[in-house]
Amino acid sequence: MARDWVIVVAAGSGRRFGGAKQYAPLGGRRVLDWSLDAARAGGRGVVLVVAPTEVGRPEPAADVVVAGGATRSGSVRAGLAAVPADAPRIVVHDAARPFAPPELFDAVLAAVAGGADGAVPGLPVADTIKQVDAAGRVVHTPARASLVAVQTPQAFRAAALRDAHARAAEGTDDAQLVEAAGGTVVVVPGRADNRKLTEADDLAWAESRLAGRASARTATGAAR
């Protein structure tokens, strides 16, 4: 059987972070390494999309390494071109989310196998959201109960994702493009610890989380 594939997007410059966050050290490894491990679980194929200057860097955890584009959507399209044509489902994941567990990949893939064109992890929104116009005036306050903050990994029927990107559209995530093309996207429960590393402080949080996890394992071992 043809296998599912994951496109790991790691081509960003990390402007807000202050550098290429995907290569930042985290727990003795790179942020990227944690993301690749989760993507590979279950025998999935992996296309890693990197900045053009990084294409020659050895990446044994990826099946294919390609150069990204000028935008996020352009980078995903570069990754799509490297995914085998017989892949039934394709997942897109941001390298800057190192704590997405393999089970979350399984959940979005299962939702697509169940009939959806796409599936994304989402968390309830804690804050009230205001829609404003160019002058900063509030024009709408959507009901908070109807809102979710979405994450990656995001899974799609391969044909739906390829069709959406064939339109050469741009979006902040791939689900937006599939929705615009008329596809049905569903939400599965996200994870609070599946946090995207965006600012430098986020790396400190990630290091603290790893330290806490190690301490918990040590305590469990001592209790035994």
Protein backbone atom coordinates (compact mmCIF):
# COMPACT_ATOMS: atom_id res chain seq x y z
CA MET A 1 0.00 0.00 0.00
CA ALA A 2 1.11 3.57 -0.70
CA ARG A 3 2.05 5.37 2.50
CA ASP A 4 1.04 8.73 3.86
CA TRP A 5 3.59 11.53 3.68
CA VAL A 6 4.42 14.51 5.87
CA ILE A 7 5.78 17.82 4.65
CA VAL A 8 7.79 19.42 7.45
CA VAL A 9 8.12 23.14 6.74
CA ALA A 10 11.45 24.47 8.05
CA ALA A 11 12.28 27.21 5.55
CA GLY A 12 11.46 30.26 7.67
CA SER A 13 14.01 32.86 8.69
CA GLY A 14 12.68 33.22 12.26
CA ARG A 15 12.53 37.03 12.14
CA ARG A 16 10.51 37.35 15.36
CA PHE A 17 12.59 34.69 17.06
CA GLY A 18 15.87 36.38 16.16
CA GLY A 19 17.22 33.56 13.99
CA ALA A 20 16.34 30.22 12.43
CA LYS A 21 14.42 28.76 15.38
CA GLN A 22 14.13 25.34 13.74
CA TYR A 23 17.88 24.85 14.27
CA ALA A 24 17.96 26.17 17.84
CA PRO A 25 19.25 23.68 20.45
CA LEU A 26 16.58 22.03 22.58
CA GLY A 27 17.37 19.23 24.99
CA GLY A 28 20.66 18.41 23.32
CA ARG A 29 19.08 18.29 19.86
CA ARG A 30 17.68 20.76 17.37
CA VAL A 31 14.06 21.90 17.50
CA LEU A 32 13.71 20.41 14.02
CA ASP A 33 14.82 16.95 15.20
CA TRP A 34 11.91 16.68 17.63
CA SER A 35 9.46 17.56 14.86
CA LEU A 36 10.98 15.08 12.41
CA ASP A 37 10.74 12.24 14.94
CA ALA A 38 6.99 12.69 15.34
CA ALA A 39 6.49 13.06 11.59
CA ARG A 40 8.32 9.79 10.84
CA ALA A 41 6.38 7.66 13.33
CA GLY A 42 4.13 5.02 11.84
CA GLY A 43 6.19 4.58 8.69
CA ARG A 44 5.19 7.88 7.13
CA GLY A 45 7.41 9.37 4.45
CA VAL A 46 8.92 12.79 5.17
CA VAL A 47 9.73 15.69 2.87
CA LEU A 48 11.72 18.39 4.66
CA VAL A 49 11.46 21.89 3.20
CA VAL A 50 14.39 24.13 4.14
CA ALA A 51 15.87 27.45 3.12
CA PRO A 52 17.85 27.22 -0.15
CA THR A 53 21.10 27.74 1.76
CA GLU A 54 20.41 24.62 3.86
CA VAL A 55 19.66 22.13 1.08
CA GLY A 56 23.11 20.54 1.29
CA ARG A 57 22.92 19.87 5.02
CA PRO A 58 22.61 16.12 5.82
CA GLU A 59 19.14 15.31 7.19
CA PRO A 60 18.99 11.53 7.66
CA ALA A 61 15.55 11.68 9.31
CA ALA A 62 13.99 12.96 6.07
CA ASP A 63 13.42 10.98 2.89
CA VAL A 64 13.72 14.08 0.71
CA VAL A 65 15.06 17.59 1.34
CA VAL A 66 13.95 20.44 -0.94
CA ALA A 67 14.38 24.20 -1.04
CA GLY A 68 11.44 26.30 0.07
CA GLY A 69 9.83 29.26 -1.64
CA ALA A 70 9.47 32.92 -0.83
CA THR A 71 6.27 32.34 1.19
CA ARG A 72 4.95 29.59 3.43
CA SER A 73 2.50 28.47 0.75
CA GLY A 74 5.29 28.48 -1.80
CA SER A 75 7.36 26.28 0.50
CA VAL A 76 4.49 23.81 0.88
CA ARG A 77 4.12 23.68 -2.90
CA ALA A 78 7.82 22.86 -3.18
CA GLY A 79 7.29 20.04 -0.72
CA LEU A 80 4.21 18.79 -2.57
CA ALA A 81 6.22 18.45 -5.76
CA ALA A 82 8.46 15.93 -3.96
CA VAL A 83 5.65 13.80 -2.50
CA PRO A 84 5.00 10.62 -4.52
CA ALA A 85 1.92 10.83 -6.71
CA ASP A 86 0.38 7.74 -5.11
CA ALA A 87 0.37 9.14 -1.56
CA PRO A 88 -3.27 8.95 -0.38
CA ARG A 89 -2.97 11.54 2.39
CA ILE A 90 -0.51 14.34 3.06
CA VAL A 91 0.22 16.05 6.35
CA VAL A 92 1.76 19.52 6.66
CA HIS A 93 3.60 20.31 9.88
CA ASP A 94 5.56 23.33 11.09
CA ALA A 95 9.06 22.44 12.25
CA ALA A 96 8.67 25.03 15.01
CA ARG A 97 6.15 22.80 16.84
CA PRO A 98 8.52 20.26 18.40
CA PHE A 99 6.04 18.74 20.85
CA ALA A 100 3.34 17.51 18.48
CA PRO A 101 3.05 13.83 19.48
CA PRO A 102 2.70 11.00 16.94
CA GLU A 103 -0.83 10.48 18.25
CA LEU A 104 -1.84 13.91 16.96
CA PHE A 105 -0.63 12.98 13.47
CA ASP A 106 -2.69 9.79 13.77
CA ALA A 107 -5.79 11.74 14.82
CA VAL A 108 -5.81 14.14 11.86
CA LEU A 109 -5.06 11.32 9.43
CA ALA A 110 -7.90 9.26 10.87
CA ALA A 111 -10.31 12.16 10.40
CA VAL A 112 -9.36 12.39 6.73
CA ALA A 113 -9.67 8.61 6.35
CA GLY A 114 -13.18 9.05 7.77
CA GLY A 115 -14.23 11.25 4.85
CA ALA A 116 -13.03 14.82 5.46
CA ASP A 117 -10.93 16.66 2.88
CA GLY A 118 -8.78 18.02 5.69
CA ALA A 119 -8.37 17.88 9.45
CA VAL A 120 -6.65 20.29 11.83
CA PRO A 121 -6.00 20.25 15.58
CA GLY A 122 -7.72 23.06 17.42
CA LEU A 123 -8.00 24.49 20.92
CA PRO A 124 -10.83 26.60 22.37
CA VAL A 125 -10.10 30.33 22.36
CA ALA A 126 -9.75 31.78 25.86
CA ASP A 127 -9.88 35.47 24.93
CA THR A 128 -12.68 37.46 23.31
CA ILE A 129 -11.80 38.15 19.68
CA LYS A 130 -12.62 41.43 17.92
CA GLN A 131 -12.68 41.97 14.18
CA VAL A 132 -11.50 45.49 13.31
CA ASP A 133 -11.25 47.60 10.19
CA ALA A 134 -8.22 49.46 8.86
CA ALA A 135 -8.89 52.38 11.22
CA GLY A 136 -8.95 50.11 14.26
CA ARG A 137 -12.72 50.30 14.74
CA VAL A 138 -14.44 47.15 15.95
CA VAL A 139 -16.80 45.85 13.28
CA HIS A 140 -17.68 42.45 14.73
CA THR A 141 -17.29 40.32 17.85
CA PRO A 142 -17.65 36.64 16.90
CA ALA A 143 -19.08 34.24 19.45
CA ARG A 144 -16.13 32.77 21.34
CA ALA A 145 -17.77 29.34 21.51
CA SER A 146 -17.55 29.07 17.72
CA LEU A 147 -13.81 29.84 17.57
CA VAL A 148 -10.76 27.60 17.82
CA ALA A 149 -7.04 28.31 17.55
CA VAL A 150 -5.61 25.84 15.07
CA GLN A 151 -2.27 24.08 15.06
CA THR A 152 -0.28 21.72 12.90
CA PRO A 153 0.00 18.88 11.94
CA GLN A 154 -2.78 19.34 9.39
CA ALA A 155 -3.80 16.35 7.26
CA PHE A 156 -5.50 16.34 3.86
CA ARG A 157 -6.64 14.08 1.09
CA ALA A 158 -3.72 14.37 -1.28
CA ALA A 159 -5.95 15.32 -4.21
CA ALA A 160 -7.66 18.08 -2.19
CA LEU A 161 -4.37 19.60 -1.07
CA ARG A 162 -2.83 19.42 -4.53
CA ASP A 163 -5.91 21.02 -6.09
CA ALA A 164 -5.91 23.85 -3.55
CA HIS A 165 -2.24 24.61 -4.17
CA ALA A 166 -2.61 24.34 -7.95
CA ARG A 167 -4.54 27.61 -7.71
CA ALA A 168 -1.29 29.28 -6.52
CA ALA A 169 -3.12 30.83 -3.60
CA GLU A 170 -1.51 32.15 -0.42
CA GLY A 171 -2.70 31.54 3.10
CA THR A 172 -1.58 31.44 6.70
CA ASP A 173 -2.21 27.70 6.75
CA ASP A 174 -3.09 24.98 4.26
CA ALA A 175 -6.56 24.41 5.65
CA GLN A 176 -7.46 27.94 4.56
CA LEU A 177 -6.55 27.08 0.97
CA VAL A 178 -8.50 23.81 1.00
CA GLU A 179 -11.53 25.61 2.49
CA ALA A 180 -11.33 28.29 -0.22
CA ALA A 181 -11.30 25.55 -2.86
CA GLY A 182 -14.56 24.15 -1.47
CA GLY A 183 -13.14 21.35 0.66
CA THR A 184 -14.53 20.21 4.00
CA VAL A 185 -12.11 20.66 6.92
CA VAL A 186 -12.84 19.30 10.40
CA VAL A 187 -11.24 20.03 13.76
CA VAL A 188 -9.84 17.41 16.15
CA PRO A 189 -8.77 18.19 19.73
CA GLY A 190 -5.41 19.95 19.80
CA ARG A 191 -2.79 19.91 22.51
CA ALA A 192 -1.93 22.82 24.80
CA ASP A 193 1.71 21.75 24.79
CA ASN A 194 1.82 21.67 20.98
CA ARG A 195 3.01 25.24 21.11
CA LYS A 196 4.67 26.97 18.18
CA LEU A 197 8.05 28.47 19.02
CA THR A 198 7.76 32.03 17.75
CA GLU A 199 9.54 34.32 20.20
CA ALA A 200 12.82 33.72 22.02
CA ASP A 201 10.88 33.25 25.28
CA ASP A 202 9.12 30.26 23.73
CA LEU A 203 12.41 28.37 23.64
CA ALA A 204 12.85 28.93 27.37
CA TRP A 205 9.36 27.50 27.86
CA ALA A 206 10.27 24.47 25.75
CA GLU A 207 13.45 23.85 27.73
CA SER A 208 11.48 24.12 30.97
CA ARG A 209 8.94 21.64 29.68
CA LEU A 210 11.64 19.12 28.79
CA ALA A 211 13.25 19.56 32.20
CA GLY A 212 9.90 18.98 33.89
CA ARG A 213 9.31 15.86 31.83
CA ALA A 214 12.74 14.50 32.75
CA SER A 215 12.11 15.20 36.42
CA ALA A 216 8.79 13.36 36.26
CA ARG A 217 10.47 10.31 34.72
CA THR A 218 13.14 10.37 37.42
CA ALA A 219 10.51 10.57 40.16
CA THR A 220 8.55 7.71 38.63
CA GLY A 221 11.65 5.57 38.41
CA ALA A 222 12.54 6.28 42.04
CA ALA A 223 9.01 5.37 43.15
CA ARG A 224 9.37 1.98 41.54
